[in-house]
Amino acid sequence: MSLSPEQTCPREEIAAYLDGELNGGALPAFEEHIKQCAECAAELRSQRQLLCTLEAAFSNSGRIKLPANFSRVVAAHAESDMRGLRHKSERRRALQLCAMLGVAAFTLLGAASGALIFQPTRGFMRLVARVLDLVWQTFADAAEGATIVARVIGRAGVASPYGFGIFVALVFLIAISLLPRLIANYHRTEFIE
């Protein structure tokens, strides 16, 4: 293959020449071009040096022999090696790192996104506060009502000539209201035994 002066240097043929893949008329034409072109000759020398360096680096004399299942053993050890997670200091360090990352994430979110994150929490806390206030008010009102009823009954019993009779009647009514429950419990325990 003869190159005219208009054509560029055959750089891709240098690798083919070194690999022994040039044949026919291409081989003598390439060798003739190398004699005339200093750039291609320099490129050929540098690629030969690279091949010699690679061959010396990968020669079999200094090769380390690995077991047949080396990659499988390394992968199994990497997957099952939990040595660092078994120590308390490692867990503590991991927890500290997670806490620092959480604080950093909240800090980086900034004030603009603070409303998106903290607004639902504030709403939930307001709802919880209202429910607790309702429960407290109900308990306080019931205790106040029971106190008023106890005062009225106590004054009626002390101030009235029939106070002791009203007290006995009240105890009798409470006993009558609890009697069906006691009977049901008695029959239930008798049935179980």
N, C-alpha and C. Protein backbone atom coordinates (compact mmCIF):
# COMPACT_ATOMS: atom_id res chain seq x y z
N MET A 1 0.85 -1.16 0.00
CA MET A 1 0.00 0.00 0.00
C MET A 1 0.90 1.22 0.00
N SER A 2 0.80 1.99 -1.01
CA SER A 2 1.64 3.17 -1.17
C SER A 2 0.86 4.40 -0.78
N LEU A 3 1.47 5.27 -0.02
CA LEU A 3 0.80 6.45 0.47
C LEU A 3 1.22 7.66 -0.34
N SER A 4 0.28 8.43 -0.74
CA SER A 4 0.59 9.67 -1.45
C SER A 4 0.87 10.74 -0.41
N PRO A 5 1.51 11.84 -0.78
CA PRO A 5 1.83 12.89 0.18
C PRO A 5 0.58 13.53 0.77
N GLU A 6 -0.57 13.46 0.08
CA GLU A 6 -1.80 14.06 0.60
C GLU A 6 -2.39 13.24 1.74
N GLN A 7 -2.12 11.97 1.75
CA GLN A 7 -2.71 11.11 2.78
C GLN A 7 -1.99 11.29 4.11
N THR A 8 -2.72 11.05 5.21
CA THR A 8 -2.13 11.16 6.55
C THR A 8 -1.38 9.89 6.88
N CYS A 9 -0.61 9.95 7.96
CA CYS A 9 0.15 8.79 8.39
C CYS A 9 -0.77 7.69 8.86
N PRO A 10 -0.44 6.43 8.56
CA PRO A 10 -1.29 5.29 8.95
C PRO A 10 -1.05 4.86 10.39
N ARG A 11 -1.56 5.64 11.34
CA ARG A 11 -1.33 5.34 12.76
C ARG A 11 -1.97 4.03 13.19
N GLU A 12 -3.11 3.70 12.64
CA GLU A 12 -3.78 2.46 13.04
C GLU A 12 -3.04 1.23 12.55
N GLU A 13 -2.19 1.40 11.53
CA GLU A 13 -1.44 0.26 11.00
C GLU A 13 -0.23 -0.09 11.88
N ILE A 14 0.17 0.82 12.78
CA ILE A 14 1.31 0.54 13.65
C ILE A 14 0.99 -0.63 14.57
N ALA A 15 -0.20 -0.62 15.17
CA ALA A 15 -0.59 -1.73 16.05
C ALA A 15 -0.72 -3.02 15.25
N ALA A 16 -1.27 -2.92 14.04
CA ALA A 16 -1.41 -4.12 13.20
C ALA A 16 -0.03 -4.66 12.82
N TYR A 17 0.93 -3.78 12.57
CA TYR A 17 2.29 -4.19 12.23
C TYR A 17 2.93 -4.92 13.41
N LEU A 18 2.77 -4.37 14.61
CA LEU A 18 3.36 -5.00 15.79
C LEU A 18 2.71 -6.34 16.11
N ASP A 19 1.43 -6.48 15.78
CA ASP A 19 0.73 -7.74 16.02
C ASP A 19 0.95 -8.75 14.90
N GLY A 20 1.64 -8.35 13.83
CA GLY A 20 1.90 -9.25 12.71
C GLY A 20 0.68 -9.47 11.83
N GLU A 21 -0.19 -8.49 11.77
CA GLU A 21 -1.43 -8.63 11.00
C GLU A 21 -1.34 -7.96 9.62
N LEU A 22 -0.28 -7.26 9.33
CA LEU A 22 -0.13 -6.68 7.99
C LEU A 22 0.39 -7.76 7.05
N ASN A 23 -0.23 -7.88 5.91
CA ASN A 23 0.21 -8.90 4.95
C ASN A 23 0.05 -8.35 3.53
N GLY A 24 0.56 -9.07 2.61
CA GLY A 24 0.47 -8.67 1.21
C GLY A 24 1.29 -7.42 0.94
N GLY A 25 0.73 -6.52 0.16
CA GLY A 25 1.44 -5.30 -0.21
C GLY A 25 1.45 -4.26 0.89
N ALA A 26 0.65 -4.42 1.91
CA ALA A 26 0.58 -3.43 2.98
C ALA A 26 1.85 -3.44 3.82
N LEU A 27 2.48 -4.62 3.99
CA LEU A 27 3.66 -4.72 4.84
C LEU A 27 4.85 -3.95 4.25
N PRO A 28 5.22 -4.19 2.99
CA PRO A 28 6.36 -3.43 2.44
C PRO A 28 6.06 -1.92 2.35
N ALA A 29 4.81 -1.57 2.07
CA ALA A 29 4.46 -0.16 1.97
C ALA A 29 4.58 0.51 3.34
N PHE A 30 4.18 -0.18 4.39
CA PHE A 30 4.27 0.39 5.74
C PHE A 30 5.73 0.54 6.16
N GLU A 31 6.58 -0.49 5.86
CA GLU A 31 7.98 -0.42 6.23
C GLU A 31 8.69 0.71 5.48
N GLU A 32 8.30 0.93 4.24
CA GLU A 32 8.86 2.03 3.45
C GLU A 32 8.45 3.37 4.06
N HIS A 33 7.21 3.46 4.50
CA HIS A 33 6.70 4.70 5.11
C HIS A 33 7.43 4.98 6.42
N ILE A 34 7.71 3.96 7.20
CA ILE A 34 8.41 4.12 8.48
C ILE A 34 9.82 4.69 8.24
N LYS A 35 10.48 4.26 7.14
CA LYS A 35 11.82 4.76 6.84
C LYS A 35 11.79 6.24 6.49
N GLN A 36 10.69 6.69 5.90
CA GLN A 36 10.61 8.07 5.44
C GLN A 36 9.99 9.01 6.49
N CYS A 37 9.08 8.49 7.37
CA CYS A 37 8.33 9.35 8.30
C CYS A 37 8.92 9.20 9.71
N ALA A 38 9.48 10.28 10.24
CA ALA A 38 10.09 10.24 11.57
C ALA A 38 9.03 10.12 12.66
N GLU A 39 7.87 10.73 12.45
CA GLU A 39 6.81 10.66 13.47
C GLU A 39 6.30 9.23 13.64
N CYS A 40 6.05 8.56 12.53
CA CYS A 40 5.56 7.17 12.62
C CYS A 40 6.63 6.25 13.19
N ALA A 41 7.91 6.51 12.88
CA ALA A 41 9.00 5.70 13.42
C ALA A 41 9.09 5.88 14.94
N ALA A 42 8.92 7.13 15.40
CA ALA A 42 8.94 7.39 16.84
C ALA A 42 7.75 6.71 17.53
N GLU A 43 6.61 6.77 16.88
CA GLU A 43 5.41 6.12 17.44
C GLU A 43 5.59 4.61 17.51
N LEU A 44 6.20 4.03 16.48
CA LEU A 44 6.46 2.59 16.46
C LEU A 44 7.42 2.22 17.59
N ARG A 45 8.48 3.01 17.83
CA ARG A 45 9.41 2.74 18.91
C ARG A 45 8.72 2.83 20.28
N SER A 46 7.87 3.84 20.47
CA SER A 46 7.21 3.99 21.78
C SER A 46 6.24 2.85 22.04
N GLN A 47 5.55 2.39 20.98
CA GLN A 47 4.63 1.26 21.18
C GLN A 47 5.39 -0.04 21.44
N ARG A 48 6.56 -0.19 20.81
CA ARG A 48 7.38 -1.38 21.08
C ARG A 48 7.88 -1.36 22.54
N GLN A 49 8.29 -0.17 23.01
CA GLN A 49 8.74 -0.06 24.39
C GLN A 49 7.60 -0.38 25.36
N LEU A 50 6.40 0.10 25.05
CA LEU A 50 5.24 -0.18 25.90
C LEU A 50 4.97 -1.68 25.95
N LEU A 51 5.03 -2.34 24.79
CA LEU A 51 4.80 -3.79 24.76
C LEU A 51 5.86 -4.53 25.56
N CYS A 52 7.11 -4.08 25.46
CA CYS A 52 8.19 -4.74 26.23
C CYS A 52 7.98 -4.54 27.73
N THR A 53 7.56 -3.33 28.11
CA THR A 53 7.31 -3.05 29.53
C THR A 53 6.17 -3.91 30.05
N LEU A 54 5.09 -4.00 29.29
CA LEU A 54 3.95 -4.81 29.70
C LEU A 54 4.32 -6.29 29.79
N GLU A 55 5.13 -6.73 28.83
CA GLU A 55 5.53 -8.14 28.85
C GLU A 55 6.40 -8.43 30.07
N ALA A 56 7.27 -7.50 30.43
CA ALA A 56 8.12 -7.71 31.61
C ALA A 56 7.28 -7.66 32.89
N ALA A 57 6.29 -6.79 32.90
CA ALA A 57 5.45 -6.67 34.11
C ALA A 57 4.57 -7.89 34.31
N PHE A 58 4.10 -8.45 33.22
CA PHE A 58 3.19 -9.58 33.33
C PHE A 58 3.84 -10.92 33.03
N SER A 59 5.14 -10.98 33.19
CA SER A 59 5.80 -12.26 32.93
C SER A 59 5.41 -13.25 34.02
N ASN A 60 5.49 -14.51 33.72
CA ASN A 60 5.05 -15.56 34.63
C ASN A 60 6.02 -15.80 35.78
N SER A 61 7.24 -15.27 35.72
CA SER A 61 8.21 -15.58 36.77
C SER A 61 7.81 -14.99 38.12
N GLY A 62 7.21 -13.83 38.17
CA GLY A 62 6.85 -13.22 39.44
C GLY A 62 5.36 -13.31 39.74
N ARG A 63 4.70 -14.21 39.12
CA ARG A 63 3.25 -14.30 39.27
C ARG A 63 2.87 -14.97 40.58
N ILE A 64 1.87 -14.43 41.25
CA ILE A 64 1.38 -15.00 42.50
C ILE A 64 0.25 -15.96 42.18
N LYS A 65 0.36 -17.15 42.72
CA LYS A 65 -0.67 -18.14 42.46
C LYS A 65 -1.79 -17.98 43.49
N LEU A 66 -3.01 -17.79 43.00
CA LEU A 66 -4.18 -17.64 43.85
C LEU A 66 -4.97 -18.94 43.88
N PRO A 67 -5.66 -19.22 44.97
CA PRO A 67 -6.50 -20.42 45.02
C PRO A 67 -7.62 -20.33 43.97
N ALA A 68 -8.17 -21.45 43.63
CA ALA A 68 -9.21 -21.49 42.59
C ALA A 68 -10.47 -20.74 43.01
N ASN A 69 -10.82 -20.80 44.26
CA ASN A 69 -12.05 -20.16 44.74
C ASN A 69 -11.76 -18.87 45.49
N PHE A 70 -10.69 -18.16 45.13
CA PHE A 70 -10.26 -16.96 45.85
C PHE A 70 -11.33 -15.88 45.85
N SER A 71 -11.90 -15.57 44.70
CA SER A 71 -12.89 -14.48 44.64
C SER A 71 -14.15 -14.84 45.42
N ARG A 72 -14.56 -16.10 45.40
CA ARG A 72 -15.74 -16.52 46.15
C ARG A 72 -15.51 -16.42 47.65
N VAL A 73 -14.31 -16.79 48.11
CA VAL A 73 -13.97 -16.71 49.54
C VAL A 73 -13.93 -15.26 49.99
N VAL A 74 -13.32 -14.39 49.18
CA VAL A 74 -13.25 -12.96 49.54
C VAL A 74 -14.64 -12.36 49.60
N ALA A 75 -15.51 -12.70 48.64
CA ALA A 75 -16.87 -12.17 48.63
C ALA A 75 -17.65 -12.67 49.85
N ALA A 76 -17.49 -13.93 50.21
CA ALA A 76 -18.19 -14.47 51.38
C ALA A 76 -17.73 -13.80 52.66
N HIS A 77 -16.42 -13.58 52.79
CA HIS A 77 -15.91 -12.89 53.98
C HIS A 77 -16.40 -11.45 54.04
N ALA A 78 -16.46 -10.79 52.90
CA ALA A 78 -16.91 -9.40 52.88
C ALA A 78 -18.38 -9.30 53.26
N GLU A 79 -19.19 -10.25 52.85
CA GLU A 79 -20.62 -10.23 53.16
C GLU A 79 -20.90 -10.60 54.61
N SER A 80 -20.09 -11.49 55.19
CA SER A 80 -20.40 -11.97 56.53
C SER A 80 -19.52 -11.38 57.62
N ASP A 81 -18.61 -10.50 57.27
CA ASP A 81 -17.71 -9.94 58.27
C ASP A 81 -18.44 -8.85 59.05
N MET A 82 -18.92 -9.18 60.23
CA MET A 82 -19.66 -8.26 61.08
C MET A 82 -18.84 -7.94 62.33
N ARG A 83 -17.54 -8.09 62.24
CA ARG A 83 -16.68 -7.90 63.39
C ARG A 83 -16.87 -6.53 64.02
N GLY A 84 -16.90 -5.48 63.22
CA GLY A 84 -17.01 -4.14 63.77
C GLY A 84 -18.34 -3.86 64.41
N LEU A 85 -19.39 -4.54 63.99
CA LEU A 85 -20.71 -4.28 64.52
C LEU A 85 -20.98 -5.03 65.81
N ARG A 86 -20.11 -5.93 66.19
CA ARG A 86 -20.35 -6.71 67.40
C ARG A 86 -19.86 -5.99 68.65
N HIS A 87 -19.04 -4.97 68.51
CA HIS A 87 -18.51 -4.26 69.66
C HIS A 87 -19.40 -3.08 70.01
N LYS A 88 -19.51 -2.81 71.30
CA LYS A 88 -20.36 -1.70 71.77
C LYS A 88 -19.82 -0.37 71.28
N SER A 89 -18.51 -0.24 71.23
CA SER A 89 -17.94 1.04 70.78
C SER A 89 -18.30 1.31 69.33
N GLU A 90 -18.35 0.29 68.51
CA GLU A 90 -18.71 0.47 67.10
C GLU A 90 -20.17 0.88 66.97
N ARG A 91 -21.04 0.25 67.76
CA ARG A 91 -22.46 0.64 67.71
C ARG A 91 -22.64 2.06 68.21
N ARG A 92 -21.92 2.42 69.27
CA ARG A 92 -22.01 3.78 69.81
C ARG A 92 -21.51 4.78 68.77
N ARG A 93 -20.42 4.45 68.10
CA ARG A 93 -19.87 5.31 67.06
C ARG A 93 -20.86 5.45 65.91
N ALA A 94 -21.51 4.35 65.53
CA ALA A 94 -22.51 4.41 64.46
C ALA A 94 -23.71 5.25 64.86
N LEU A 95 -24.14 5.14 66.11
CA LEU A 95 -25.25 5.94 66.60
C LEU A 95 -24.89 7.42 66.62
N GLN A 96 -23.67 7.74 67.05
CA GLN A 96 -23.23 9.12 67.05
C GLN A 96 -23.16 9.68 65.64
N LEU A 97 -22.67 8.86 64.72
CA LEU A 97 -22.59 9.30 63.33
C LEU A 97 -23.97 9.55 62.76
N CYS A 98 -24.92 8.66 63.05
CA CYS A 98 -26.29 8.84 62.57
C CYS A 98 -26.91 10.10 63.18
N ALA A 99 -26.65 10.35 64.46
CA ALA A 99 -27.19 11.56 65.09
C ALA A 99 -26.59 12.81 64.46
N MET A 100 -25.29 12.78 64.21
CA MET A 100 -24.66 13.95 63.57
C MET A 100 -25.20 14.16 62.17
N LEU A 101 -25.39 13.07 61.42
CA LEU A 101 -25.96 13.20 60.08
C LEU A 101 -27.38 13.72 60.12
N GLY A 102 -28.17 13.30 61.12
CA GLY A 102 -29.53 13.80 61.26
C GLY A 102 -29.55 15.29 61.58
N VAL A 103 -28.68 15.72 62.49
CA VAL A 103 -28.60 17.14 62.83
C VAL A 103 -28.16 17.94 61.61
N ALA A 104 -27.18 17.41 60.89
CA ALA A 104 -26.71 18.11 59.69
C ALA A 104 -27.82 18.21 58.65
N ALA A 105 -28.60 17.14 58.50
CA ALA A 105 -29.69 17.16 57.52
C ALA A 105 -30.73 18.21 57.90
N PHE A 106 -31.12 18.26 59.18
CA PHE A 106 -32.10 19.26 59.61
C PHE A 106 -31.53 20.67 59.47
N THR A 107 -30.25 20.82 59.73
CA THR A 107 -29.63 22.14 59.60
C THR A 107 -29.61 22.57 58.14
N LEU A 108 -29.27 21.65 57.25
CA LEU A 108 -29.20 21.99 55.84
C LEU A 108 -30.57 22.23 55.22
N LEU A 109 -31.60 21.67 55.81
CA LEU A 109 -32.93 21.91 55.26
C LEU A 109 -33.32 23.38 55.38
N GLY A 110 -32.88 24.02 56.45
CA GLY A 110 -33.04 25.45 56.56
C GLY A 110 -34.42 25.88 57.03
N ALA A 111 -34.55 27.19 57.15
CA ALA A 111 -35.79 27.77 57.65
C ALA A 111 -36.92 27.69 56.64
N ALA A 112 -36.59 27.70 55.35
CA ALA A 112 -37.63 27.67 54.33
C ALA A 112 -38.42 26.37 54.37
N SER A 113 -37.71 25.27 54.60
CA SER A 113 -38.41 23.99 54.66
C SER A 113 -38.82 23.65 56.08
N GLY A 114 -38.50 24.50 57.05
CA GLY A 114 -38.87 24.25 58.43
C GLY A 114 -40.37 24.16 58.60
N ALA A 115 -41.10 24.99 57.85
CA ALA A 115 -42.56 24.94 57.94
C ALA A 115 -43.09 23.60 57.45
N LEU A 116 -42.47 23.04 56.43
CA LEU A 116 -42.93 21.75 55.90
C LEU A 116 -42.67 20.62 56.89
N ILE A 117 -41.61 20.72 57.65
CA ILE A 117 -41.25 19.64 58.57
C ILE A 117 -41.93 19.81 59.92
N PHE A 118 -41.87 21.04 60.47
CA PHE A 118 -42.33 21.24 61.84
C PHE A 118 -43.81 21.59 61.95
N GLN A 119 -44.43 22.05 60.87
CA GLN A 119 -45.85 22.43 60.94
C GLN A 119 -46.74 21.22 61.27
N PRO A 120 -46.58 20.06 60.64
CA PRO A 120 -47.42 18.91 61.03
C PRO A 120 -47.18 18.49 62.48
N THR A 121 -45.95 18.58 62.94
CA THR A 121 -45.65 18.21 64.33
C THR A 121 -46.33 19.17 65.29
N ARG A 122 -46.28 20.47 64.96
CA ARG A 122 -46.96 21.45 65.81
C ARG A 122 -48.46 21.19 65.86
N GLY A 123 -49.06 20.90 64.70
CA GLY A 123 -50.49 20.61 64.65
C GLY A 123 -50.85 19.39 65.49
N PHE A 124 -50.03 18.36 65.40
CA PHE A 124 -50.27 17.15 66.18
C PHE A 124 -50.15 17.44 67.68
N MET A 125 -49.14 18.22 68.05
CA MET A 125 -48.96 18.54 69.46
C MET A 125 -50.13 19.40 69.98
N ARG A 126 -50.64 20.30 69.16
CA ARG A 126 -51.82 21.09 69.57
C ARG A 126 -53.02 20.17 69.79
N LEU A 127 -53.21 19.20 68.89
CA LEU A 127 -54.32 18.26 69.02
C LEU A 127 -54.18 17.44 70.31
N VAL A 128 -52.97 16.96 70.59
CA VAL A 128 -52.73 16.19 71.81
C VAL A 128 -53.01 17.06 73.04
N ALA A 129 -52.57 18.33 72.99
CA ALA A 129 -52.80 19.23 74.12
C ALA A 129 -54.29 19.46 74.34
N ARG A 130 -55.04 19.60 73.27
CA ARG A 130 -56.49 19.80 73.40
C ARG A 130 -57.18 18.57 73.99
N VAL A 131 -56.77 17.38 73.54
CA VAL A 131 -57.37 16.14 74.07
C VAL A 131 -57.04 16.00 75.55
N LEU A 132 -55.77 16.25 75.92
CA LEU A 132 -55.40 16.17 77.33
C LEU A 132 -56.15 17.20 78.18
N ASP A 133 -56.33 18.41 77.62
CA ASP A 133 -57.09 19.43 78.33
C ASP A 133 -58.54 19.00 78.53
N LEU A 134 -59.14 18.38 77.50
CA LEU A 134 -60.52 17.89 77.61
C LEU A 134 -60.62 16.80 78.69
N VAL A 135 -59.66 15.87 78.69
CA VAL A 135 -59.68 14.80 79.70
C VAL A 135 -59.51 15.40 81.09
N TRP A 136 -58.60 16.34 81.26
CA TRP A 136 -58.39 16.97 82.55
C TRP A 136 -59.63 17.73 83.01
N GLN A 137 -60.25 18.49 82.11
CA GLN A 137 -61.47 19.23 82.46
C GLN A 137 -62.60 18.28 82.86
N THR A 138 -62.74 17.16 82.12
CA THR A 138 -63.78 16.19 82.44
C THR A 138 -63.53 15.60 83.83
N PHE A 139 -62.29 15.22 84.11
CA PHE A 139 -61.96 14.66 85.42
C PHE A 139 -62.19 15.69 86.53
N ALA A 140 -61.79 16.94 86.30
CA ALA A 140 -61.96 17.98 87.32
C ALA A 140 -63.45 18.27 87.56
N ASP A 141 -64.23 18.31 86.47
CA ASP A 141 -65.67 18.56 86.62
C ASP A 141 -66.36 17.40 87.35
N ALA A 142 -65.97 16.15 87.04
CA ALA A 142 -66.56 15.00 87.72
C ALA A 142 -66.20 15.00 89.20
N ALA A 143 -64.95 15.33 89.53
CA ALA A 143 -64.54 15.39 90.93
C ALA A 143 -65.28 16.50 91.67
N GLU A 144 -65.46 17.64 91.01
CA GLU A 144 -66.18 18.75 91.63
C GLU A 144 -67.65 18.38 91.86
N GLY A 145 -68.28 17.70 90.88
CA GLY A 145 -69.66 17.26 91.02
C GLY A 145 -69.82 16.25 92.14
N ALA A 146 -68.87 15.30 92.23
CA ALA A 146 -68.94 14.30 93.31
C ALA A 146 -68.77 14.96 94.66
N THR A 147 -67.92 15.98 94.72
CA THR A 147 -67.74 16.71 95.98
C THR A 147 -69.02 17.44 96.38
N ILE A 148 -69.67 18.05 95.42
CA ILE A 148 -70.92 18.77 95.71
C ILE A 148 -72.01 17.80 96.18
N VAL A 149 -72.13 16.64 95.50
CA VAL A 149 -73.13 15.64 95.89
C VAL A 149 -72.82 15.13 97.30
N ALA A 150 -71.55 14.88 97.60
CA ALA A 150 -71.17 14.39 98.93
C ALA A 150 -71.48 15.44 99.99
N ARG A 151 -71.26 16.71 99.73
CA ARG A 151 -71.58 17.77 100.68
C ARG A 151 -73.09 17.86 100.94
N VAL A 152 -73.85 17.78 99.84
CA VAL A 152 -75.31 17.87 99.99
C VAL A 152 -75.81 16.69 100.82
N ILE A 153 -75.33 15.51 100.52
CA ILE A 153 -75.77 14.33 101.27
C ILE A 153 -75.31 14.43 102.72
N GLY A 154 -74.07 14.88 102.92
CA GLY A 154 -73.56 15.02 104.28
C GLY A 154 -74.35 16.05 105.08
N ARG A 155 -74.67 17.20 104.50
CA ARG A 155 -75.45 18.22 105.20
C ARG A 155 -76.88 17.74 105.47
N ALA A 156 -77.40 17.02 104.47
CA ALA A 156 -78.76 16.52 104.66
C ALA A 156 -78.79 15.50 105.79
N GLY A 157 -77.76 14.69 105.88
CA GLY A 157 -77.72 13.69 106.94
C GLY A 157 -77.49 14.30 108.30
N VAL A 158 -76.69 15.34 108.39
CA VAL A 158 -76.39 15.96 109.67
C VAL A 158 -77.52 16.89 110.09
N ALA A 159 -78.01 17.70 109.16
CA ALA A 159 -79.01 18.71 109.50
C ALA A 159 -80.42 18.16 109.61
N SER A 160 -80.70 17.09 108.94
CA SER A 160 -82.07 16.55 108.91
C SER A 160 -82.27 15.56 110.06
N PRO A 161 -83.49 15.52 110.63
CA PRO A 161 -83.76 14.51 111.65
C PRO A 161 -83.80 13.11 111.05
N TYR A 162 -83.99 13.01 109.75
CA TYR A 162 -84.04 11.70 109.08
C TYR A 162 -82.72 11.40 108.36
N GLY A 163 -81.67 12.06 108.70
CA GLY A 163 -80.39 11.93 108.01
C GLY A 163 -79.83 10.52 108.08
N PHE A 164 -79.88 9.91 109.25
CA PHE A 164 -79.37 8.54 109.38
C PHE A 164 -80.18 7.58 108.53
N GLY A 165 -81.47 7.79 108.46
CA GLY A 165 -82.35 6.93 107.65
C GLY A 165 -82.04 7.08 106.16
N ILE A 166 -81.76 8.30 105.73
CA ILE A 166 -81.40 8.52 104.31
C ILE A 166 -80.09 7.82 104.00
N PHE A 167 -79.13 7.89 104.93
CA PHE A 167 -77.84 7.23 104.74
C PHE A 167 -78.01 5.72 104.62
N VAL A 168 -78.84 5.14 105.50
CA VAL A 168 -79.09 3.69 105.46
C VAL A 168 -79.79 3.32 104.16
N ALA A 169 -80.73 4.16 103.72
CA ALA A 169 -81.44 3.89 102.46
C ALA A 169 -80.48 3.95 101.27
N LEU A 170 -79.56 4.91 101.30
CA LEU A 170 -78.58 5.03 100.22
C LEU A 170 -77.68 3.81 100.16
N VAL A 171 -77.20 3.34 101.33
CA VAL A 171 -76.35 2.14 101.37
C VAL A 171 -77.14 0.93 100.88
N PHE A 172 -78.43 0.85 101.25
CA PHE A 172 -79.29 -0.26 100.82
C PHE A 172 -79.46 -0.25 99.29
N LEU A 173 -79.66 0.93 98.70
CA LEU A 173 -79.81 1.04 97.23
C LEU A 173 -78.53 0.62 96.52
N ILE A 174 -77.39 1.04 97.06
CA ILE A 174 -76.11 0.64 96.45
C ILE A 174 -75.92 -0.87 96.54
N ALA A 175 -76.26 -1.47 97.68
CA ALA A 175 -76.13 -2.91 97.85
C ALA A 175 -77.05 -3.65 96.90
N ILE A 176 -78.29 -3.15 96.72
CA ILE A 176 -79.23 -3.80 95.80
C ILE A 176 -78.72 -3.71 94.36
N SER A 177 -78.12 -2.57 93.99
CA SER A 177 -77.63 -2.42 92.61
C SER A 177 -76.42 -3.32 92.36
N LEU A 178 -75.61 -3.64 93.39
CA LEU A 178 -74.45 -4.51 93.22
C LEU A 178 -74.78 -6.00 93.35
N LEU A 179 -75.97 -6.33 93.86
CA LEU A 179 -76.35 -7.73 94.07
C LEU A 179 -76.36 -8.55 92.79
N PRO A 180 -76.96 -8.09 91.68
CA PRO A 180 -76.94 -8.92 90.46
C PRO A 180 -75.51 -9.21 89.97
N ARG A 181 -74.64 -8.26 90.16
CA ARG A 181 -73.26 -8.48 89.73
C ARG A 181 -72.59 -9.55 90.59
N LEU A 182 -72.80 -9.51 91.86
CA LEU A 182 -72.23 -10.54 92.75
C LEU A 182 -72.78 -11.92 92.43
N ILE A 183 -74.08 -12.00 92.14
CA ILE A 183 -74.69 -13.30 91.80
C ILE A 183 -74.11 -13.82 90.50
N ALA A 184 -73.95 -12.93 89.50
CA ALA A 184 -73.38 -13.36 88.21
C ALA A 184 -71.96 -13.85 88.39
N ASN A 185 -71.15 -13.17 89.18
CA ASN A 185 -69.78 -13.62 89.45
C ASN A 185 -69.76 -14.96 90.17
N TYR A 186 -70.68 -15.18 91.08
CA TYR A 186 -70.76 -16.45 91.80
C TYR A 186 -71.07 -17.59 90.84
N HIS A 187 -72.07 -17.37 89.95
CA HIS A 187 -72.44 -18.43 89.01
C HIS A 187 -71.30 -18.66 87.99
N ARG A 188 -70.60 -17.61 87.63
CA ARG A 188 -69.50 -17.76 86.66
C ARG A 188 -68.37 -18.58 87.26
N THR A 189 -68.01 -18.33 88.52
CA THR A 189 -66.95 -19.12 89.14
C THR A 189 -67.39 -20.55 89.37
N GLU A 190 -68.67 -20.75 89.65
CA GLU A 190 -69.20 -22.09 89.85
C GLU A 190 -69.16 -22.88 88.53
N PHE A 191 -69.45 -22.19 87.42
CA PHE A 191 -69.44 -22.82 86.11
C PHE A 191 -68.02 -23.20 85.68
N ILE A 192 -67.03 -22.37 86.00
CA ILE A 192 -65.65 -22.63 85.63
C ILE A 192 -65.09 -23.82 86.41
N GLU A 193 -65.40 -23.93 87.68
CA GLU A 193 -64.88 -25.01 88.50
C GLU A 193 -65.56 -26.29 88.09
